[in-house]
Amino acid sequence: MTQKATFYHAGCAVCLDAERQIAHALDPARFEVEIVDLGSDRARIAEAEAAGVISVPAMVIAGTPLHINFGASLADVRGDG
């Protein structure tokens, strides 16, 4: 049985580097990884906020957010920061 892991980012260099180093490093036998680019899929910003994400890049596993590095706040991604 796999756990869902959602990696949220905004398309910036910091985020893409974290995606390469972290999201793609998870064992696919243990984790079903979904990668969400909030820069191009802005409709999912509210979902990320509801999951506890306050900045990107961030990974949510089993409902627990892990903020990897501070690339941008969600307010910045939304355009109101």
C-alpha atoms as a PDB file:
ATOM      1  CA  MET A   1       0.000   0.000   0.000  1.00  0.00           C
ATOM      2  CA  THR A   2       1.355   3.411  -0.961  1.00  0.00           C
ATOM      3  CA  GLN A   3       0.960   6.741   0.812  1.00  0.00           C
ATOM      4  CA  LYS A   4       0.018   9.855  -1.096  1.00  0.00           C
ATOM      5  CA  ALA A   5       2.657  12.576  -1.214  1.00  0.00           C
ATOM      6  CA  THR A   6       1.898  15.911  -2.844  1.00  0.00           C
ATOM      7  CA  PHE A   7       4.762  18.190  -3.787  1.00  0.00           C
ATOM      8  CA  TYR A   8       3.675  21.821  -4.220  1.00  0.00           C
ATOM      9  CA  HIS A   9       5.880  24.350  -5.967  1.00  0.00           C
ATOM     10  CA  ALA A  10       5.641  27.563  -7.980  1.00  0.00           C
ATOM     11  CA  GLY A  11       8.009  26.809 -10.839  1.00  0.00           C
ATOM     12  CA  CYS A  12      10.956  28.839  -9.526  1.00  0.00           C
ATOM     13  CA  ALA A  13      14.535  27.558  -9.617  1.00  0.00           C
ATOM     14  CA  VAL A  14      14.520  26.719  -5.882  1.00  0.00           C
ATOM     15  CA  CYS A  15      11.304  24.737  -6.316  1.00  0.00           C
ATOM     16  CA  LEU A  16      12.457  22.837  -9.380  1.00  0.00           C
ATOM     17  CA  ASP A  17      15.726  21.925  -7.665  1.00  0.00           C
ATOM     18  CA  ALA A  18      13.800  20.640  -4.628  1.00  0.00           C
ATOM     19  CA  GLU A  19      11.515  18.657  -6.943  1.00  0.00           C
ATOM     20  CA  ARG A  20      14.516  16.943  -8.562  1.00  0.00           C
ATOM     21  CA  GLN A  21      16.239  16.235  -5.258  1.00  0.00           C
ATOM     22  CA  ILE A  22      13.295  15.306  -3.044  1.00  0.00           C
ATOM     23  CA  ALA A  23      10.063  14.499  -4.883  1.00  0.00           C
ATOM     24  CA  HIS A  24      11.750  12.229  -7.413  1.00  0.00           C
ATOM     25  CA  ALA A  25      13.846  10.540  -4.706  1.00  0.00           C
ATOM     26  CA  LEU A  26      10.846   9.024  -2.907  1.00  0.00           C
ATOM     27  CA  ASP A  27      10.449   5.279  -3.321  1.00  0.00           C
ATOM     28  CA  PRO A  28       7.535   4.728  -5.755  1.00  0.00           C
ATOM     29  CA  ALA A  29       6.776   1.423  -4.021  1.00  0.00           C
ATOM     30  CA  ARG A  30       5.988   3.420  -0.850  1.00  0.00           C
ATOM     31  CA  PHE A  31       4.729   6.777  -2.157  1.00  0.00           C
ATOM     32  CA  GLU A  32       2.361   7.907  -4.871  1.00  0.00           C
ATOM     33  CA  VAL A  33       3.802  11.347  -5.655  1.00  0.00           C
ATOM     34  CA  GLU A  34       1.760  14.101  -7.246  1.00  0.00           C
ATOM     35  CA  ILE A  35       3.588  17.239  -8.347  1.00  0.00           C
ATOM     36  CA  VAL A  36       1.539  20.431  -8.372  1.00  0.00           C
ATOM     37  CA  ASP A  37       2.897  23.617  -9.949  1.00  0.00           C
ATOM     38  CA  LEU A  38       0.850  26.342  -8.264  1.00  0.00           C
ATOM     39  CA  GLY A  39       2.306  28.895 -10.656  1.00  0.00           C
ATOM     40  CA  SER A  40       0.411  27.316 -13.532  1.00  0.00           C
ATOM     41  CA  ASP A  41      -2.402  25.599 -11.572  1.00  0.00           C
ATOM     42  CA  ARG A  42      -3.505  28.507  -9.389  1.00  0.00           C
ATOM     43  CA  ALA A  43      -6.889  26.891  -8.695  1.00  0.00           C
ATOM     44  CA  ARG A  44      -5.098  24.504  -6.305  1.00  0.00           C
ATOM     45  CA  ILE A  45      -3.642  27.215  -4.044  1.00  0.00           C
ATOM     46  CA  ALA A  46      -6.628  26.908  -1.666  1.00  0.00           C
ATOM     47  CA  GLU A  47      -6.032  23.132  -1.505  1.00  0.00           C
ATOM     48  CA  ALA A  48      -2.394  23.701  -0.564  1.00  0.00           C
ATOM     49  CA  GLU A  49      -3.411  26.211   2.129  1.00  0.00           C
ATOM     50  CA  ALA A  50      -5.995  23.776   3.523  1.00  0.00           C
ATOM     51  CA  ALA A  51      -3.222  21.149   3.748  1.00  0.00           C
ATOM     52  CA  GLY A  52      -1.133  23.531   5.890  1.00  0.00           C
ATOM     53  CA  VAL A  53       1.265  24.769   3.213  1.00  0.00           C
ATOM     54  CA  ILE A  54       2.416  28.342   3.867  1.00  0.00           C
ATOM     55  CA  SER A  55       5.318  28.520   1.424  1.00  0.00           C
ATOM     56  CA  VAL A  56       6.699  26.572  -1.488  1.00  0.00           C
ATOM     57  CA  PRO A  57       8.387  24.265  -2.144  1.00  0.00           C
ATOM     58  CA  ALA A  58       6.564  21.982   0.267  1.00  0.00           C
ATOM     59  CA  MET A  59       5.676  18.316   0.445  1.00  0.00           C
ATOM     60  CA  VAL A  60       2.529  17.009   2.140  1.00  0.00           C
ATOM     61  CA  ILE A  61       2.678  13.380   3.225  1.00  0.00           C
ATOM     62  CA  ALA A  62      -0.187  11.751   5.102  1.00  0.00           C
ATOM     63  CA  GLY A  63      -1.672  15.171   5.823  1.00  0.00           C
ATOM     64  CA  THR A  64       1.512  16.624   7.297  1.00  0.00           C
ATOM     65  CA  PRO A  65       3.236  19.494   5.465  1.00  0.00           C
ATOM     66  CA  LEU A  66       7.012  19.658   5.226  1.00  0.00           C
ATOM     67  CA  HIS A  67       8.350  23.051   4.185  1.00  0.00           C
ATOM     68  CA  ILE A  68      11.556  22.279   2.344  1.00  0.00           C
ATOM     69  CA  ASN A  69      12.991  25.706   1.643  1.00  0.00           C
ATOM     70  CA  PHE A  70      11.476  29.163   1.486  1.00  0.00           C
ATOM     71  CA  GLY A  71      11.085  29.905  -2.212  1.00  0.00           C
ATOM     72  CA  ALA A  72       7.870  31.929  -2.046  1.00  0.00           C
ATOM     73  CA  SER A  73       4.935  32.392   0.300  1.00  0.00           C
ATOM     74  CA  LEU A  74       1.519  31.346  -0.953  1.00  0.00           C
ATOM     75  CA  ALA A  75       0.532  35.027  -0.749  1.00  0.00           C
ATOM     76  CA  ASP A  76       3.312  35.753  -3.252  1.00  0.00           C
ATOM     77  CA  VAL A  77       2.146  32.913  -5.504  1.00  0.00           C
ATOM     78  CA  ARG A  78      -1.430  34.246  -5.325  1.00  0.00           C
ATOM     79  CA  GLY A  79      -0.133  37.717  -6.145  1.00  0.00           C
ATOM     80  CA  ASP A  80      -1.344  39.437  -2.997  1.00  0.00           C
ATOM     81  CA  GLY A  81       1.866  39.244  -0.973  1.00  0.00           C
END
